[in-house]
């Protein structure tokens, strides 16, 4: 397995071997899904959770809460309020740009999921989510710990040299149990968008011109204006396509990896 940009090698395997590729690396089984259709069949139709009454109840609740466009629209006021708050934070403290992004994304997730109103600064739940997502990013990187390569090491005591993974496992497990939402992916998406605009200022200029022409300069654009801003809409989609925040092939789960 390559240690850098593994998704490129995995994509090559997909071209050579097909939509589902199985690899065993030193006893660690990995399964890679290399096409949208295969991923849909395995993850949506079959799912990773066994079909049961609990599973059916979860699907019903999910569909009721955010399974349709009309149900999603109930969250638009929350998103637009936090976007305006984000712009104010950046204007007042541009040096904390990353913090402003994480705080805004965390606030949206907490409001939508728990109706929780986070503090303007240093909210404990926002910080907890941010810490948990950093830990998840480390844990989902293949072969982060020696036990990933040599599973037999899971039997050694926590005090044994080299068993650092056991000593941090309980701490990180508690953090995960305290956290039920995540900001990592959406925050990375927003950050990537801004970085892309810095790399391609001509695209930013064209997008701004479309906003000025269709919306004017007396208000901010809203989600209701999306159909009137085809270039901006396409630009956002292209950022996601061009530079995905979580390149497929990086995720690692036990006993098998689904990427």
C-alpha atoms as a PDB file:
ATOM      1  CA  UNK A   1       0.000   0.000   0.000  1.00  0.00           C
ATOM      2  CA  UNK A   2       1.380   3.435  -0.919  1.00  0.00           C
ATOM      3  CA  UNK A   3       1.841   5.835   1.972  1.00  0.00           C
ATOM      4  CA  UNK A   4       1.217   8.993  -0.087  1.00  0.00           C
ATOM      5  CA  UNK A   5      -1.900   9.680  -2.176  1.00  0.00           C
ATOM      6  CA  UNK A   6      -3.133   6.074  -1.899  1.00  0.00           C
ATOM      7  CA  UNK A   7      -6.375   6.950  -3.706  1.00  0.00           C
ATOM      8  CA  UNK A   8      -4.435   7.338  -6.954  1.00  0.00           C
ATOM      9  CA  UNK A   9      -3.149   3.775  -6.753  1.00  0.00           C
ATOM     10  CA  UNK A  10      -6.590   2.548  -5.708  1.00  0.00           C
ATOM     11  CA  UNK A  11      -8.133   4.259  -8.736  1.00  0.00           C
ATOM     12  CA  UNK A  12      -5.603   2.470 -10.956  1.00  0.00           C
ATOM     13  CA  UNK A  13      -6.610  -0.836  -9.343  1.00  0.00           C
ATOM     14  CA  UNK A  14     -10.223  -0.004 -10.142  1.00  0.00           C
ATOM     15  CA  UNK A  15      -9.388   0.480 -13.821  1.00  0.00           C
ATOM     16  CA  UNK A  16      -7.517  -2.817 -13.853  1.00  0.00           C
ATOM     17  CA  UNK A  17      -9.630  -5.068 -11.625  1.00  0.00           C
ATOM     18  CA  UNK A  18     -13.104  -3.533 -11.528  1.00  0.00           C
ATOM     19  CA  UNK A  19     -15.485  -1.825  -9.130  1.00  0.00           C
ATOM     20  CA  UNK A  20     -14.669  -3.903  -6.030  1.00  0.00           C
ATOM     21  CA  UNK A  21     -11.042  -4.585  -5.088  1.00  0.00           C
ATOM     22  CA  UNK A  22      -9.958  -6.632  -2.075  1.00  0.00           C
ATOM     23  CA  UNK A  23      -6.449  -6.339  -0.646  1.00  0.00           C
ATOM     24  CA  UNK A  24      -4.927  -8.003   2.413  1.00  0.00           C
ATOM     25  CA  UNK A  25      -2.068  -6.010   3.919  1.00  0.00           C
ATOM     26  CA  UNK A  26      -0.252  -7.922   6.653  1.00  0.00           C
ATOM     27  CA  UNK A  27      -3.481  -9.509   7.819  1.00  0.00           C
ATOM     28  CA  UNK A  28      -5.551  -6.330   7.516  1.00  0.00           C
ATOM     29  CA  UNK A  29      -8.372  -6.801   4.977  1.00  0.00           C
ATOM     30  CA  UNK A  30      -9.246  -3.793   2.839  1.00  0.00           C
ATOM     31  CA  UNK A  31     -12.144  -3.495   0.392  1.00  0.00           C
ATOM     32  CA  UNK A  32     -12.161  -0.603  -2.071  1.00  0.00           C
ATOM     33  CA  UNK A  33     -15.233   0.497  -3.999  1.00  0.00           C
ATOM     34  CA  UNK A  34     -14.128   2.137  -7.227  1.00  0.00           C
ATOM     35  CA  UNK A  35     -17.332   3.263  -8.900  1.00  0.00           C
ATOM     36  CA  UNK A  36     -20.407   5.277  -7.871  1.00  0.00           C
ATOM     37  CA  UNK A  37     -22.728   2.437  -8.857  1.00  0.00           C
ATOM     38  CA  UNK A  38     -20.807  -0.067  -6.746  1.00  0.00           C
ATOM     39  CA  UNK A  39     -20.730   2.296  -3.786  1.00  0.00           C
ATOM     40  CA  UNK A  40     -24.484   2.880  -4.118  1.00  0.00           C
ATOM     41  CA  UNK A  41     -25.223  -0.840  -4.302  1.00  0.00           C
ATOM     42  CA  UNK A  42     -23.057  -1.658  -1.277  1.00  0.00           C
ATOM     43  CA  UNK A  43     -23.609   1.353   0.969  1.00  0.00           C
ATOM     44  CA  UNK A  44     -27.141   2.463   0.149  1.00  0.00           C
ATOM     45  CA  UNK A  45     -29.004  -0.616  -1.024  1.00  0.00           C
ATOM     46  CA  UNK A  46     -27.294  -3.071   1.316  1.00  0.00           C
ATOM     47  CA  UNK A  47     -25.997  -0.592   3.889  1.00  0.00           C
ATOM     48  CA  UNK A  48     -23.350  -1.312   6.531  1.00  0.00           C
ATOM     49  CA  UNK A  49     -26.017  -1.930   9.140  1.00  0.00           C
ATOM     50  CA  UNK A  50     -27.999  -5.170   9.182  1.00  0.00           C
ATOM     51  CA  UNK A  51     -31.617  -4.849   8.106  1.00  0.00           C
ATOM     52  CA  UNK A  52     -33.823  -4.898  11.176  1.00  0.00           C
ATOM     53  CA  UNK A  53     -36.711  -3.067  12.817  1.00  0.00           C
ATOM     54  CA  UNK A  54     -34.210  -0.645  14.309  1.00  0.00           C
ATOM     55  CA  UNK A  55     -32.725  -0.005  10.862  1.00  0.00           C
ATOM     56  CA  UNK A  56     -36.186   0.569   9.344  1.00  0.00           C
ATOM     57  CA  UNK A  57     -37.087   2.977  12.141  1.00  0.00           C
ATOM     58  CA  UNK A  58     -33.874   4.916  11.606  1.00  0.00           C
ATOM     59  CA  UNK A  59     -34.531   5.182   7.863  1.00  0.00           C
ATOM     60  CA  UNK A  60     -38.084   6.419   8.471  1.00  0.00           C
ATOM     61  CA  UNK A  61     -36.911   9.084  10.916  1.00  0.00           C
ATOM     62  CA  UNK A  62     -34.101  10.178   8.631  1.00  0.00           C
ATOM     63  CA  UNK A  63     -36.477  10.510   5.667  1.00  0.00           C
ATOM     64  CA  UNK A  64     -38.985  12.443   7.779  1.00  0.00           C
ATOM     65  CA  UNK A  65     -36.345  14.833   9.105  1.00  0.00           C
ATOM     66  CA  UNK A  66     -34.186  15.457   6.037  1.00  0.00           C
ATOM     67  CA  UNK A  67     -35.219  13.042   3.332  1.00  0.00           C
ATOM     68  CA  UNK A  68     -36.904  15.568   1.046  1.00  0.00           C
ATOM     69  CA  UNK A  69     -36.141  19.021  -0.252  1.00  0.00           C
ATOM     70  CA  UNK A  70     -39.065  20.523   1.643  1.00  0.00           C
ATOM     71  CA  UNK A  71     -37.882  19.006   4.933  1.00  0.00           C
ATOM     72  CA  UNK A  72     -34.377  20.356   4.359  1.00  0.00           C
ATOM     73  CA  UNK A  73     -35.697  23.866   3.751  1.00  0.00           C
ATOM     74  CA  UNK A  74     -36.648  24.172   7.419  1.00  0.00           C
ATOM     75  CA  UNK A  75     -32.943  24.528   8.206  1.00  0.00           C
ATOM     76  CA  UNK A  76     -32.284  27.333   5.701  1.00  0.00           C
ATOM     77  CA  UNK A  77     -32.858  30.176   8.226  1.00  0.00           C
ATOM     78  CA  UNK A  78     -30.312  28.596  10.570  1.00  0.00           C
ATOM     79  CA  UNK A  79     -27.716  28.311   7.801  1.00  0.00           C
ATOM     80  CA  UNK A  80     -28.235  31.853   6.531  1.00  0.00           C
ATOM     81  CA  UNK A  81     -28.065  33.322  10.037  1.00  0.00           C
ATOM     82  CA  UNK A  82     -24.785  31.551  10.750  1.00  0.00           C
ATOM     83  CA  UNK A  83     -23.359  32.601   7.363  1.00  0.00           C
ATOM     84  CA  UNK A  84     -23.972  36.240   8.251  1.00  0.00           C
ATOM     85  CA  UNK A  85     -22.409  35.682  11.660  1.00  0.00           C
ATOM     86  CA  UNK A  86     -19.401  34.061   9.974  1.00  0.00           C
ATOM     87  CA  UNK A  87     -18.859  37.102   7.752  1.00  0.00           C
ATOM     88  CA  UNK A  88     -18.956  39.393  10.787  1.00  0.00           C
ATOM     89  CA  UNK A  89     -16.391  37.246  12.599  1.00  0.00           C
ATOM     90  CA  UNK A  90     -14.019  37.280   9.638  1.00  0.00           C
ATOM     91  CA  UNK A  91     -14.418  41.053   9.276  1.00  0.00           C
ATOM     92  CA  UNK A  92     -13.717  41.662  12.957  1.00  0.00           C
ATOM     93  CA  UNK A  93     -10.931  39.080  13.319  1.00  0.00           C
ATOM     94  CA  UNK A  94      -9.478  38.009   9.950  1.00  0.00           C
ATOM     95  CA  UNK A  95      -6.522  36.303  11.650  1.00  0.00           C
ATOM     96  CA  UNK A  96      -8.860  33.645  13.083  1.00  0.00           C
ATOM     97  CA  UNK A  97     -10.283  32.660   9.707  1.00  0.00           C
ATOM     98  CA  UNK A  98     -10.083  28.921  10.350  1.00  0.00           C
ATOM     99  CA  UNK A  99     -11.654  29.274  13.774  1.00  0.00           C
ATOM    100  CA  UNK A 100     -14.535  31.267  12.310  1.00  0.00           C
ATOM    101  CA  UNK A 101     -15.238  28.496   9.796  1.00  0.00           C
ATOM    102  CA  UNK A 102     -15.207  25.743  12.414  1.00  0.00           C
ATOM    103  CA  UNK A 103     -17.364  27.739  14.808  1.00  0.00           C
ATOM    104  CA  UNK A 104     -19.991  28.465  12.138  1.00  0.00           C
ATOM    105  CA  UNK A 105     -20.156  24.877  10.892  1.00  0.00           C
ATOM    106  CA  UNK A 106     -20.288  23.576  14.461  1.00  0.00           C
ATOM    107  CA  UNK A 107     -23.070  26.017  15.308  1.00  0.00           C
ATOM    108  CA  UNK A 108     -25.183  24.875  12.345  1.00  0.00           C
ATOM    109  CA  UNK A 109     -24.747  21.205  13.246  1.00  0.00           C
ATOM    110  CA  UNK A 110     -25.538  21.764  16.925  1.00  0.00           C
ATOM    111  CA  UNK A 111     -28.598  23.889  16.171  1.00  0.00           C
ATOM    112  CA  UNK A 112     -29.994  21.490  13.573  1.00  0.00           C
ATOM    113  CA  UNK A 113     -29.296  18.352  15.596  1.00  0.00           C
ATOM    114  CA  UNK A 114     -29.874  19.459  19.184  1.00  0.00           C
ATOM    115  CA  UNK A 115     -31.400  22.979  19.004  1.00  0.00           C
ATOM    116  CA  UNK A 116     -28.329  24.033  20.959  1.00  0.00           C
ATOM    117  CA  UNK A 117     -27.218  27.660  20.747  1.00  0.00           C
ATOM    118  CA  UNK A 118     -23.401  27.746  21.028  1.00  0.00           C
ATOM    119  CA  UNK A 119     -21.487  30.577  22.601  1.00  0.00           C
ATOM    120  CA  UNK A 120     -19.976  33.200  20.337  1.00  0.00           C
ATOM    121  CA  UNK A 121     -16.444  32.235  21.387  1.00  0.00           C
ATOM    122  CA  UNK A 122     -14.831  29.191  23.021  1.00  0.00           C
ATOM    123  CA  UNK A 123     -17.981  27.096  23.156  1.00  0.00           C
ATOM    124  CA  UNK A 124     -17.150  23.767  24.870  1.00  0.00           C
ATOM    125  CA  UNK A 125     -19.272  21.639  22.521  1.00  0.00           C
ATOM    126  CA  UNK A 126     -17.824  23.228  19.379  1.00  0.00           C
ATOM    127  CA  UNK A 127     -14.332  22.616  20.748  1.00  0.00           C
ATOM    128  CA  UNK A 128     -15.269  19.024  21.647  1.00  0.00           C
ATOM    129  CA  UNK A 129     -16.498  18.325  18.110  1.00  0.00           C
ATOM    130  CA  UNK A 130     -13.368  19.865  16.619  1.00  0.00           C
ATOM    131  CA  UNK A 131     -11.127  17.729  18.844  1.00  0.00           C
ATOM    132  CA  UNK A 132     -13.063  14.564  18.058  1.00  0.00           C
ATOM    133  CA  UNK A 133     -12.856  15.151  14.303  1.00  0.00           C
ATOM    134  CA  UNK A 134      -9.084  15.603  14.487  1.00  0.00           C
ATOM    135  CA  UNK A 135      -8.850  12.273  16.289  1.00  0.00           C
ATOM    136  CA  UNK A 136     -11.073  10.599  13.682  1.00  0.00           C
ATOM    137  CA  UNK A 137      -8.833  11.961  10.927  1.00  0.00           C
ATOM    138  CA  UNK A 138      -5.836  10.291  12.584  1.00  0.00           C
ATOM    139  CA  UNK A 139      -7.632   7.024  13.285  1.00  0.00           C
ATOM    140  CA  UNK A 140      -8.960   6.634   9.739  1.00  0.00           C
ATOM    141  CA  UNK A 141      -5.503   6.893   8.211  1.00  0.00           C
ATOM    142  CA  UNK A 142      -4.290   3.349   7.389  1.00  0.00           C
ATOM    143  CA  UNK A 143      -1.497   1.955   9.561  1.00  0.00           C
ATOM    144  CA  UNK A 144      -1.438   4.915  11.919  1.00  0.00           C
ATOM    145  CA  UNK A 145      -0.489   2.634  14.798  1.00  0.00           C
ATOM    146  CA  UNK A 146       1.736  -0.434  14.830  1.00  0.00           C
ATOM    147  CA  UNK A 147      -1.211  -2.564  15.942  1.00  0.00           C
ATOM    148  CA  UNK A 148      -2.784  -1.866  12.533  1.00  0.00           C
ATOM    149  CA  UNK A 149       0.091  -3.778  10.959  1.00  0.00           C
ATOM    150  CA  UNK A 150       0.510  -6.394  13.705  1.00  0.00           C
ATOM    151  CA  UNK A 151      -2.949  -7.085  15.189  1.00  0.00           C
ATOM    152  CA  UNK A 152      -1.448  -9.454  17.767  1.00  0.00           C
ATOM    153  CA  UNK A 153      -0.207  -6.360  19.636  1.00  0.00           C
ATOM    154  CA  UNK A 154      -3.763  -5.698  20.826  1.00  0.00           C
ATOM    155  CA  UNK A 155      -3.141  -8.344  23.517  1.00  0.00           C
ATOM    156  CA  UNK A 156      -0.221  -6.546  25.184  1.00  0.00           C
ATOM    157  CA  UNK A 157      -0.885  -4.503  28.361  1.00  0.00           C
ATOM    158  CA  UNK A 158      -1.214  -0.726  28.173  1.00  0.00           C
ATOM    159  CA  UNK A 159       2.002  -0.142  30.154  1.00  0.00           C
ATOM    160  CA  UNK A 160       4.124  -2.120  27.690  1.00  0.00           C
ATOM    161  CA  UNK A 161       6.562  -0.089  25.540  1.00  0.00           C
ATOM    162  CA  UNK A 162       4.995   0.622  22.168  1.00  0.00           C
ATOM    163  CA  UNK A 163       1.438   0.290  23.478  1.00  0.00           C
ATOM    164  CA  UNK A 164       0.692   3.997  23.227  1.00  0.00           C
ATOM    165  CA  UNK A 165      -2.379   3.165  21.160  1.00  0.00           C
ATOM    166  CA  UNK A 166      -3.946   1.523  24.206  1.00  0.00           C
ATOM    167  CA  UNK A 167      -3.199   4.455  26.455  1.00  0.00           C
ATOM    168  CA  UNK A 168      -4.894   6.937  24.173  1.00  0.00           C
ATOM    169  CA  UNK A 169      -7.732   4.603  23.170  1.00  0.00           C
ATOM    170  CA  UNK A 170      -9.781   5.173  26.333  1.00  0.00           C
ATOM    171  CA  UNK A 171      -9.323   8.950  26.142  1.00  0.00           C
ATOM    172  CA  UNK A 172     -10.322   9.119  22.492  1.00  0.00           C
ATOM    173  CA  UNK A 173     -13.192   6.682  23.041  1.00  0.00           C
ATOM    174  CA  UNK A 174     -14.631   8.990  25.700  1.00  0.00           C
ATOM    175  CA  UNK A 175     -14.310  11.957  23.365  1.00  0.00           C
ATOM    176  CA  UNK A 176     -16.120  10.009  20.643  1.00  0.00           C
ATOM    177  CA  UNK A 177     -18.919   8.959  22.999  1.00  0.00           C
ATOM    178  CA  UNK A 178     -19.394  12.602  24.067  1.00  0.00           C
ATOM    179  CA  UNK A 179     -19.584  13.743  20.416  1.00  0.00           C
ATOM    180  CA  UNK A 180     -22.489  12.968  18.130  1.00  0.00           C
ATOM    181  CA  UNK A 181     -21.814  15.472  15.333  1.00  0.00           C
ATOM    182  CA  UNK A 182     -18.838  16.389  13.173  1.00  0.00           C
ATOM    183  CA  UNK A 183     -17.499  19.544  11.545  1.00  0.00           C
ATOM    184  CA  UNK A 184     -14.435  18.168   9.791  1.00  0.00           C
ATOM    185  CA  UNK A 185     -15.832  17.520   6.321  1.00  0.00           C
ATOM    186  CA  UNK A 186     -17.991  20.654   5.881  1.00  0.00           C
ATOM    187  CA  UNK A 187     -15.302  22.882   7.418  1.00  0.00           C
ATOM    188  CA  UNK A 188     -12.729  21.399   5.052  1.00  0.00           C
ATOM    189  CA  UNK A 189     -15.092  22.012   2.129  1.00  0.00           C
ATOM    190  CA  UNK A 190     -15.460  25.682   3.008  1.00  0.00           C
ATOM    191  CA  UNK A 191     -11.719  26.085   3.534  1.00  0.00           C
ATOM    192  CA  UNK A 192     -11.002  24.419   0.205  1.00  0.00           C
ATOM    193  CA  UNK A 193     -13.382  26.813  -1.526  1.00  0.00           C
ATOM    194  CA  UNK A 194     -11.551  29.863  -0.202  1.00  0.00           C
ATOM    195  CA  UNK A 195      -8.163  28.395  -1.097  1.00  0.00           C
ATOM    196  CA  UNK A 196      -9.412  27.682  -4.607  1.00  0.00           C
ATOM    197  CA  UNK A 197     -10.586  31.259  -5.038  1.00  0.00           C
ATOM    198  CA  UNK A 198      -7.102  32.439  -4.063  1.00  0.00           C
ATOM    199  CA  UNK A 199      -5.579  30.175  -6.711  1.00  0.00           C
ATOM    200  CA  UNK A 200      -8.048  31.207  -9.408  1.00  0.00           C
ATOM    201  CA  UNK A 201      -8.966  34.888  -8.832  1.00  0.00           C
ATOM    202  CA  UNK A 202     -10.435  35.128 -12.336  1.00  0.00           C
ATOM    203  CA  UNK A 203     -13.115  32.601 -11.333  1.00  0.00           C
ATOM    204  CA  UNK A 204     -13.812  34.577  -8.169  1.00  0.00           C
ATOM    205  CA  UNK A 205     -14.158  37.782 -10.208  1.00  0.00           C
ATOM    206  CA  UNK A 206     -16.621  36.140 -12.599  1.00  0.00           C
ATOM    207  CA  UNK A 207     -18.671  34.744  -9.718  1.00  0.00           C
ATOM    208  CA  UNK A 208     -18.760  38.128  -7.989  1.00  0.00           C
ATOM    209  CA  UNK A 209     -19.868  39.769 -11.241  1.00  0.00           C
ATOM    210  CA  UNK A 210     -22.781  37.338 -11.495  1.00  0.00           C
ATOM    211  CA  UNK A 211     -23.831  38.072  -7.904  1.00  0.00           C
ATOM    212  CA  UNK A 212     -23.611  41.831  -8.489  1.00  0.00           C
ATOM    213  CA  UNK A 213     -25.673  41.566 -11.679  1.00  0.00           C
ATOM    214  CA  UNK A 214     -28.394  39.286 -10.304  1.00  0.00           C
ATOM    215  CA  UNK A 215     -28.533  40.258  -6.612  1.00  0.00           C
ATOM    216  CA  UNK A 216     -27.076  43.739  -6.442  1.00  0.00           C
ATOM    217  CA  UNK A 217     -25.047  45.109  -3.555  1.00  0.00           C
ATOM    218  CA  UNK A 218     -27.751  45.972  -1.047  1.00  0.00           C
ATOM    219  CA  UNK A 219     -28.131  42.448   0.373  1.00  0.00           C
ATOM    220  CA  UNK A 220     -26.392  39.101   0.625  1.00  0.00           C
ATOM    221  CA  UNK A 221     -27.386  36.243  -1.696  1.00  0.00           C
ATOM    222  CA  UNK A 222     -29.480  33.490  -0.157  1.00  0.00           C
ATOM    223  CA  UNK A 223     -30.262  29.894  -1.014  1.00  0.00           C
ATOM    224  CA  UNK A 224     -33.443  31.125  -2.677  1.00  0.00           C
ATOM    225  CA  UNK A 225     -31.223  32.853  -5.275  1.00  0.00           C
ATOM    226  CA  UNK A 226     -29.441  29.652  -6.268  1.00  0.00           C
ATOM    227  CA  UNK A 227     -31.317  29.171  -9.538  1.00  0.00           C
ATOM    228  CA  UNK A 228     -30.391  32.715 -10.581  1.00  0.00           C
ATOM    229  CA  UNK A 229     -26.675  32.100  -9.998  1.00  0.00           C
ATOM    230  CA  UNK A 230     -25.751  29.219 -12.338  1.00  0.00           C
ATOM    231  CA  UNK A 231     -22.049  30.116 -12.476  1.00  0.00           C
ATOM    232  CA  UNK A 232     -21.696  30.323  -8.688  1.00  0.00           C
ATOM    233  CA  UNK A 233     -23.593  27.047  -8.313  1.00  0.00           C
ATOM    234  CA  UNK A 234     -21.357  25.342 -10.888  1.00  0.00           C
ATOM    235  CA  UNK A 235     -18.254  26.836  -9.264  1.00  0.00           C
ATOM    236  CA  UNK A 236     -19.072  25.339  -5.874  1.00  0.00           C
ATOM    237  CA  UNK A 237     -19.756  21.930  -7.424  1.00  0.00           C
ATOM    238  CA  UNK A 238     -16.486  22.091  -9.355  1.00  0.00           C
ATOM    239  CA  UNK A 239     -14.530  22.764  -6.162  1.00  0.00           C
ATOM    240  CA  UNK A 240     -16.013  19.611  -4.641  1.00  0.00           C
ATOM    241  CA  UNK A 241     -15.247  17.592  -7.768  1.00  0.00           C
ATOM    242  CA  UNK A 242     -11.768  18.992  -8.344  1.00  0.00           C
ATOM    243  CA  UNK A 243     -10.467  18.680  -4.792  1.00  0.00           C
ATOM    244  CA  UNK A 244     -12.596  16.393  -2.560  1.00  0.00           C
ATOM    245  CA  UNK A 245     -11.972  16.988   1.127  1.00  0.00           C
ATOM    246  CA  UNK A 246     -11.757  13.272   1.922  1.00  0.00           C
ATOM    247  CA  UNK A 247     -10.153  11.501  -1.047  1.00  0.00           C
ATOM    248  CA  UNK A 248     -11.636   8.026  -1.336  1.00  0.00           C
ATOM    249  CA  UNK A 249      -9.050   5.488  -0.312  1.00  0.00           C
ATOM    250  CA  UNK A 250      -8.042   7.184   2.929  1.00  0.00           C
ATOM    251  CA  UNK A 251     -10.733   5.742   5.192  1.00  0.00           C
ATOM    252  CA  UNK A 252      -9.882   2.696   7.256  1.00  0.00           C
ATOM    253  CA  UNK A 253     -12.254   0.588   9.325  1.00  0.00           C
ATOM    254  CA  UNK A 254     -12.155  -2.834  10.949  1.00  0.00           C
ATOM    255  CA  UNK A 255     -12.502  -5.659  10.072  1.00  0.00           C
ATOM    256  CA  UNK A 256     -12.528  -4.397   6.493  1.00  0.00           C
ATOM    257  CA  UNK A 257     -12.097  -1.036   4.842  1.00  0.00           C
ATOM    258  CA  UNK A 258     -14.823   0.509   2.716  1.00  0.00           C
ATOM    259  CA  UNK A 259     -13.473   3.437   0.715  1.00  0.00           C
END
